[in-house]
Amino acid sequence: MKRIVLILFVGLLTLSVNAQDKTAKIEFKAETVDYGVIEKGSDGVRVFEFTNTGTAPLIISKVSSSCGCTIPKKPEEAILPGKTGEIQVKYDTKRVGPIRKAITVISNADTPTKVLKIKGEVTSVDGK
């Protein structure tokens, strides 16, 4: 009886240690998106592509921007290991001037907080 209890205990301990080894990892194709020089009113949507290079499903719980002029959109579903996903960012191109904004991504990855950046410049139609 003691032997059976010992075997069960060791088995459960091994199982719990293996379960803790599974971690989601987020790897972005690029952490900065450069809009370049774009005209006022042009398409302000850009995409950050990423891959879950970990061994557990990746869950992005929150994506926020440093300004109300930038609207990020996170994936709603978990990203399985080895699969790719995207975070869409829409910048308000009605604002003329330089673009320098940060997008903060919070997830269950081994690095739970990641900061992405967008940059560029919006010019008026006449080039000013």
N, C-alpha and C. Protein backbone atom coordinates (compact mmCIF):
# COMPACT_ATOMS: atom_id res chain seq x y z
N MET A 1 0.82 -1.20 0.00
CA MET A 1 0.00 0.00 0.00
C MET A 1 0.86 1.26 0.00
N LYS A 2 1.93 1.24 0.83
CA LYS A 2 2.82 2.41 0.88
C LYS A 2 3.49 2.62 -0.47
N ARG A 3 3.80 1.54 -1.13
CA ARG A 3 4.46 1.62 -2.44
C ARG A 3 3.53 2.28 -3.47
N ILE A 4 2.25 1.91 -3.46
CA ILE A 4 1.28 2.48 -4.40
C ILE A 4 1.11 3.98 -4.13
N VAL A 5 1.01 4.36 -2.87
CA VAL A 5 0.88 5.77 -2.53
C VAL A 5 2.12 6.53 -2.97
N LEU A 6 3.28 5.96 -2.77
CA LEU A 6 4.54 6.61 -3.18
C LEU A 6 4.59 6.77 -4.70
N ILE A 7 4.20 5.76 -5.44
CA ILE A 7 4.20 5.83 -6.90
C ILE A 7 3.21 6.89 -7.37
N LEU A 8 2.01 6.94 -6.78
CA LEU A 8 1.04 7.97 -7.14
C LEU A 8 1.56 9.37 -6.82
N PHE A 9 2.19 9.53 -5.69
CA PHE A 9 2.73 10.84 -5.30
C PHE A 9 3.81 11.29 -6.28
N VAL A 10 4.73 10.41 -6.62
CA VAL A 10 5.80 10.75 -7.57
C VAL A 10 5.20 11.05 -8.94
N GLY A 11 4.20 10.31 -9.35
CA GLY A 11 3.55 10.55 -10.64
C GLY A 11 2.88 11.91 -10.69
N LEU A 12 2.15 12.27 -9.64
CA LEU A 12 1.50 13.58 -9.59
C LEU A 12 2.52 14.71 -9.54
N LEU A 13 3.59 14.52 -8.81
CA LEU A 13 4.64 15.53 -8.73
C LEU A 13 5.28 15.75 -10.10
N THR A 14 5.55 14.68 -10.81
CA THR A 14 6.13 14.78 -12.16
C THR A 14 5.17 15.48 -13.10
N LEU A 15 3.89 15.15 -13.01
CA LEU A 15 2.88 15.77 -13.87
C LEU A 15 2.79 17.27 -13.61
N SER A 16 2.81 17.67 -12.34
CA SER A 16 2.70 19.10 -12.04
C SER A 16 3.95 19.85 -12.47
N VAL A 17 5.11 19.25 -12.38
CA VAL A 17 6.35 19.89 -12.84
C VAL A 17 6.31 20.07 -14.36
N ASN A 18 5.85 19.06 -15.09
CA ASN A 18 5.74 19.15 -16.54
C ASN A 18 4.73 20.20 -16.97
N ALA A 19 3.63 20.32 -16.24
CA ALA A 19 2.61 21.31 -16.58
C ALA A 19 3.15 22.73 -16.40
N GLN A 20 4.03 22.94 -15.46
CA GLN A 20 4.59 24.26 -15.23
C GLN A 20 5.59 24.65 -16.30
N ASP A 21 6.14 23.70 -17.03
CA ASP A 21 7.11 23.98 -18.08
C ASP A 21 6.46 24.60 -19.32
N LYS A 22 5.16 24.45 -19.46
CA LYS A 22 4.49 24.97 -20.64
C LYS A 22 4.28 26.48 -20.49
N THR A 23 4.82 27.22 -21.43
CA THR A 23 4.75 28.68 -21.38
C THR A 23 4.47 29.22 -22.77
N ALA A 24 3.66 30.24 -22.82
CA ALA A 24 3.43 30.95 -24.09
C ALA A 24 4.57 31.94 -24.29
N LYS A 25 4.97 32.11 -25.54
CA LYS A 25 5.99 33.10 -25.88
C LYS A 25 5.53 33.85 -27.11
N ILE A 26 5.63 35.18 -27.06
CA ILE A 26 5.19 35.99 -28.17
C ILE A 26 6.41 36.59 -28.87
N GLU A 27 6.47 36.35 -30.17
CA GLU A 27 7.58 36.86 -30.98
C GLU A 27 7.00 37.66 -32.14
N PHE A 28 7.28 38.96 -32.15
CA PHE A 28 6.76 39.84 -33.19
C PHE A 28 7.68 39.84 -34.40
N LYS A 29 7.08 39.90 -35.57
CA LYS A 29 7.84 40.01 -36.82
C LYS A 29 8.63 41.32 -36.81
N ALA A 30 8.01 42.39 -36.32
CA ALA A 30 8.65 43.70 -36.13
C ALA A 30 7.97 44.38 -34.96
N GLU A 31 8.73 45.05 -34.11
CA GLU A 31 8.16 45.73 -32.95
C GLU A 31 7.90 47.21 -33.23
N THR A 32 8.28 47.68 -34.41
CA THR A 32 8.01 49.06 -34.82
C THR A 32 7.43 49.04 -36.23
N VAL A 33 6.35 49.79 -36.41
CA VAL A 33 5.77 49.96 -37.74
C VAL A 33 6.03 51.40 -38.16
N ASP A 34 6.65 51.56 -39.32
CA ASP A 34 6.96 52.88 -39.85
C ASP A 34 5.95 53.22 -40.95
N TYR A 35 5.12 54.20 -40.69
CA TYR A 35 4.14 54.66 -41.68
C TYR A 35 4.83 55.40 -42.82
N GLY A 36 6.04 55.91 -42.55
CA GLY A 36 6.70 56.75 -43.54
C GLY A 36 5.97 58.09 -43.61
N VAL A 37 6.04 58.75 -44.74
CA VAL A 37 5.32 60.02 -44.94
C VAL A 37 4.03 59.69 -45.67
N ILE A 38 2.90 59.98 -45.03
CA ILE A 38 1.59 59.69 -45.62
C ILE A 38 0.76 60.97 -45.65
N GLU A 39 -0.21 61.01 -46.56
CA GLU A 39 -1.06 62.19 -46.69
C GLU A 39 -2.19 62.17 -45.68
N LYS A 40 -2.61 63.35 -45.28
CA LYS A 40 -3.74 63.52 -44.38
C LYS A 40 -4.96 62.80 -44.96
N GLY A 41 -5.66 62.05 -44.10
CA GLY A 41 -6.86 61.34 -44.52
C GLY A 41 -6.60 59.98 -45.17
N SER A 42 -5.34 59.58 -45.31
CA SER A 42 -5.06 58.28 -45.93
C SER A 42 -5.33 57.15 -44.93
N ASP A 43 -5.22 55.93 -45.40
CA ASP A 43 -5.50 54.74 -44.58
C ASP A 43 -4.50 54.66 -43.43
N GLY A 44 -5.00 54.68 -42.20
CA GLY A 44 -4.13 54.64 -41.02
C GLY A 44 -4.04 53.28 -40.37
N VAL A 45 -4.52 52.23 -41.03
CA VAL A 45 -4.51 50.89 -40.45
C VAL A 45 -3.19 50.18 -40.79
N ARG A 46 -2.55 49.66 -39.76
CA ARG A 46 -1.34 48.86 -39.91
C ARG A 46 -1.47 47.64 -39.01
N VAL A 47 -0.61 46.63 -39.23
CA VAL A 47 -0.71 45.36 -38.51
C VAL A 47 0.64 44.95 -37.94
N PHE A 48 0.63 44.53 -36.67
CA PHE A 48 1.79 43.89 -36.05
C PHE A 48 1.53 42.39 -36.09
N GLU A 49 2.38 41.65 -36.79
CA GLU A 49 2.24 40.20 -36.87
C GLU A 49 3.11 39.55 -35.81
N PHE A 50 2.60 38.45 -35.22
CA PHE A 50 3.37 37.75 -34.20
C PHE A 50 3.12 36.25 -34.28
N THR A 51 4.01 35.49 -33.63
CA THR A 51 3.90 34.04 -33.56
C THR A 51 4.02 33.61 -32.11
N ASN A 52 3.23 32.63 -31.72
CA ASN A 52 3.38 32.03 -30.40
C ASN A 52 4.44 30.94 -30.53
N THR A 53 5.65 31.24 -30.07
CA THR A 53 6.76 30.28 -30.17
C THR A 53 6.89 29.44 -28.91
N GLY A 54 5.92 29.55 -28.02
CA GLY A 54 5.94 28.78 -26.77
C GLY A 54 5.25 27.44 -26.92
N THR A 55 4.96 26.84 -25.76
CA THR A 55 4.35 25.51 -25.72
C THR A 55 2.96 25.52 -25.11
N ALA A 56 2.45 26.72 -24.80
CA ALA A 56 1.10 26.86 -24.24
C ALA A 56 0.34 27.89 -25.07
N PRO A 57 -0.99 27.84 -25.04
CA PRO A 57 -1.77 28.84 -25.77
C PRO A 57 -1.47 30.26 -25.26
N LEU A 58 -1.37 31.20 -26.19
CA LEU A 58 -1.10 32.61 -25.88
C LEU A 58 -2.42 33.36 -25.80
N ILE A 59 -2.63 34.04 -24.68
CA ILE A 59 -3.85 34.82 -24.50
C ILE A 59 -3.45 36.28 -24.31
N ILE A 60 -3.87 37.13 -25.23
CA ILE A 60 -3.61 38.56 -25.12
C ILE A 60 -4.79 39.16 -24.38
N SER A 61 -4.54 39.64 -23.17
CA SER A 61 -5.64 40.12 -22.33
C SER A 61 -5.96 41.59 -22.55
N LYS A 62 -4.95 42.39 -22.94
CA LYS A 62 -5.21 43.82 -23.12
C LYS A 62 -4.20 44.42 -24.09
N VAL A 63 -4.69 45.34 -24.91
CA VAL A 63 -3.83 46.13 -25.80
C VAL A 63 -4.30 47.57 -25.68
N SER A 64 -3.38 48.47 -25.33
CA SER A 64 -3.75 49.87 -25.17
C SER A 64 -2.72 50.77 -25.85
N SER A 65 -3.13 51.98 -26.18
CA SER A 65 -2.23 52.92 -26.84
C SER A 65 -1.94 54.09 -25.93
N SER A 66 -0.89 54.84 -26.27
CA SER A 66 -0.48 55.98 -25.46
C SER A 66 -1.32 57.21 -25.75
N CYS A 67 -2.27 57.11 -26.68
CA CYS A 67 -3.04 58.29 -27.10
C CYS A 67 -4.38 57.83 -27.68
N GLY A 68 -5.38 58.69 -27.58
CA GLY A 68 -6.70 58.37 -28.15
C GLY A 68 -6.73 58.41 -29.66
N CYS A 69 -5.67 58.90 -30.29
CA CYS A 69 -5.61 58.98 -31.75
C CYS A 69 -5.22 57.64 -32.38
N THR A 70 -4.86 56.67 -31.53
CA THR A 70 -4.45 55.36 -32.01
C THR A 70 -5.36 54.31 -31.38
N ILE A 71 -6.01 53.51 -32.22
CA ILE A 71 -6.93 52.49 -31.72
C ILE A 71 -6.41 51.10 -32.06
N PRO A 72 -5.93 50.35 -31.06
CA PRO A 72 -5.46 48.99 -31.31
C PRO A 72 -6.61 47.98 -31.20
N LYS A 73 -6.47 46.87 -31.90
CA LYS A 73 -7.47 45.79 -31.85
C LYS A 73 -6.73 44.47 -31.65
N LYS A 74 -7.05 43.79 -30.55
CA LYS A 74 -6.37 42.53 -30.21
C LYS A 74 -7.14 41.33 -30.73
N PRO A 75 -6.46 40.20 -30.88
CA PRO A 75 -7.18 38.97 -31.24
C PRO A 75 -8.05 38.51 -30.06
N GLU A 76 -9.23 38.04 -30.34
CA GLU A 76 -10.15 37.61 -29.29
C GLU A 76 -9.89 36.17 -28.85
N GLU A 77 -9.38 35.35 -29.74
CA GLU A 77 -9.15 33.94 -29.45
C GLU A 77 -7.70 33.71 -28.99
N ALA A 78 -7.48 32.62 -28.27
CA ALA A 78 -6.12 32.23 -27.88
C ALA A 78 -5.34 31.81 -29.13
N ILE A 79 -4.07 32.11 -29.15
CA ILE A 79 -3.20 31.72 -30.26
C ILE A 79 -2.44 30.47 -29.82
N LEU A 80 -2.68 29.38 -30.51
CA LEU A 80 -2.07 28.10 -30.15
C LEU A 80 -0.58 28.10 -30.46
N PRO A 81 0.19 27.23 -29.79
CA PRO A 81 1.63 27.16 -30.04
C PRO A 81 1.93 26.93 -31.52
N GLY A 82 2.87 27.71 -32.06
CA GLY A 82 3.26 27.60 -33.46
C GLY A 82 2.40 28.39 -34.42
N LYS A 83 1.29 28.93 -33.95
CA LYS A 83 0.37 29.68 -34.80
C LYS A 83 0.69 31.17 -34.76
N THR A 84 0.16 31.89 -35.76
CA THR A 84 0.40 33.33 -35.84
C THR A 84 -0.88 34.10 -35.57
N GLY A 85 -0.71 35.37 -35.23
CA GLY A 85 -1.83 36.25 -34.99
C GLY A 85 -1.42 37.66 -35.36
N GLU A 86 -2.34 38.60 -35.17
CA GLU A 86 -2.01 39.98 -35.49
C GLU A 86 -2.75 40.94 -34.56
N ILE A 87 -2.10 42.06 -34.34
CA ILE A 87 -2.69 43.18 -33.61
C ILE A 87 -2.82 44.30 -34.61
N GLN A 88 -4.05 44.73 -34.83
CA GLN A 88 -4.32 45.80 -35.79
C GLN A 88 -4.29 47.14 -35.06
N VAL A 89 -3.67 48.13 -35.70
CA VAL A 89 -3.59 49.47 -35.14
C VAL A 89 -4.11 50.46 -36.16
N LYS A 90 -5.00 51.34 -35.71
CA LYS A 90 -5.54 52.37 -36.62
C LYS A 90 -5.17 53.75 -36.05
N TYR A 91 -4.38 54.50 -36.83
CA TYR A 91 -3.99 55.85 -36.43
C TYR A 91 -4.89 56.85 -37.15
N ASP A 92 -5.29 57.90 -36.43
CA ASP A 92 -6.15 58.95 -37.00
C ASP A 92 -5.30 59.85 -37.90
N THR A 93 -5.37 59.64 -39.19
CA THR A 93 -4.53 60.39 -40.14
C THR A 93 -5.09 61.76 -40.48
N LYS A 94 -6.09 62.21 -39.75
CA LYS A 94 -6.59 63.57 -39.93
C LYS A 94 -5.73 64.57 -39.16
N ARG A 95 -4.82 64.06 -38.36
CA ARG A 95 -3.91 64.90 -37.57
C ARG A 95 -2.59 65.04 -38.32
N VAL A 96 -2.28 66.24 -38.74
CA VAL A 96 -1.04 66.50 -39.49
C VAL A 96 0.11 66.65 -38.49
N GLY A 97 1.24 66.01 -38.83
CA GLY A 97 2.43 66.11 -37.99
C GLY A 97 3.09 64.76 -37.80
N PRO A 98 4.13 64.72 -36.95
CA PRO A 98 4.84 63.47 -36.73
C PRO A 98 4.02 62.46 -35.93
N ILE A 99 4.26 61.19 -36.20
CA ILE A 99 3.61 60.09 -35.46
C ILE A 99 4.69 59.43 -34.61
N ARG A 100 4.49 59.40 -33.32
CA ARG A 100 5.37 58.69 -32.38
C ARG A 100 4.49 58.18 -31.26
N LYS A 101 4.00 56.96 -31.37
CA LYS A 101 3.07 56.41 -30.39
C LYS A 101 3.52 55.03 -29.93
N ALA A 102 3.08 54.67 -28.73
CA ALA A 102 3.40 53.36 -28.16
C ALA A 102 2.11 52.57 -27.96
N ILE A 103 2.21 51.26 -28.19
CA ILE A 103 1.09 50.35 -27.98
C ILE A 103 1.58 49.30 -26.98
N THR A 104 0.88 49.17 -25.87
CA THR A 104 1.27 48.22 -24.83
C THR A 104 0.42 46.96 -24.95
N VAL A 105 1.10 45.81 -24.99
CA VAL A 105 0.44 44.51 -25.12
C VAL A 105 0.65 43.74 -23.83
N ILE A 106 -0.45 43.29 -23.22
CA ILE A 106 -0.37 42.50 -21.99
C ILE A 106 -0.94 41.12 -22.29
N SER A 107 -0.14 40.08 -21.94
CA SER A 107 -0.53 38.70 -22.26
C SER A 107 -0.03 37.75 -21.18
N ASN A 108 -0.28 36.47 -21.39
CA ASN A 108 0.23 35.44 -20.49
C ASN A 108 1.58 34.89 -20.94
N ALA A 109 2.27 35.60 -21.82
CA ALA A 109 3.57 35.14 -22.34
C ALA A 109 4.64 35.23 -21.25
N ASP A 110 5.78 34.61 -21.51
CA ASP A 110 6.89 34.65 -20.55
C ASP A 110 7.35 36.08 -20.28
N THR A 111 7.20 36.97 -21.26
CA THR A 111 7.37 38.41 -21.07
C THR A 111 5.97 39.00 -21.15
N PRO A 112 5.31 39.22 -20.00
CA PRO A 112 3.88 39.57 -20.03
C PRO A 112 3.54 40.95 -20.60
N THR A 113 4.49 41.88 -20.58
CA THR A 113 4.22 43.21 -21.11
C THR A 113 5.21 43.51 -22.22
N LYS A 114 4.69 43.90 -23.36
CA LYS A 114 5.51 44.23 -24.53
C LYS A 114 5.05 45.58 -25.06
N VAL A 115 6.00 46.45 -25.40
CA VAL A 115 5.66 47.76 -25.94
C VAL A 115 6.05 47.80 -27.42
N LEU A 116 5.05 48.08 -28.26
CA LEU A 116 5.25 48.22 -29.70
C LEU A 116 5.20 49.70 -30.03
N LYS A 117 5.76 50.07 -31.17
CA LYS A 117 5.80 51.49 -31.55
C LYS A 117 5.35 51.70 -32.98
N ILE A 118 4.71 52.85 -33.20
CA ILE A 118 4.44 53.29 -34.56
C ILE A 118 5.09 54.65 -34.74
N LYS A 119 5.55 54.90 -35.96
CA LYS A 119 6.18 56.18 -36.24
C LYS A 119 5.90 56.57 -37.68
N GLY A 120 6.15 57.81 -37.99
CA GLY A 120 5.93 58.32 -39.34
C GLY A 120 5.57 59.78 -39.29
N GLU A 121 5.00 60.25 -40.41
CA GLU A 121 4.59 61.64 -40.48
C GLU A 121 3.39 61.78 -41.40
N VAL A 122 2.41 62.55 -40.94
CA VAL A 122 1.22 62.85 -41.74
C VAL A 122 1.38 64.27 -42.28
N THR A 123 1.28 64.40 -43.61
CA THR A 123 1.37 65.73 -44.23
C THR A 123 0.02 66.09 -44.83
N SER A 124 -0.20 67.40 -44.98
CA SER A 124 -1.45 67.83 -45.61
C SER A 124 -1.37 67.56 -47.10
N VAL A 125 -2.48 67.61 -47.78
CA VAL A 125 -2.55 67.28 -49.20
C VAL A 125 -1.61 68.14 -50.03
N ASP A 126 -1.37 69.38 -49.62
CA ASP A 126 -0.46 70.25 -50.37
C ASP A 126 1.01 70.05 -49.98
N GLY A 127 1.28 69.05 -49.12
CA GLY A 127 2.66 68.70 -48.78
C GLY A 127 3.23 69.43 -47.59
N LYS A 128 2.44 70.17 -46.86
CA LYS A 128 2.94 70.92 -45.70
C LYS A 128 2.61 70.22 -44.41
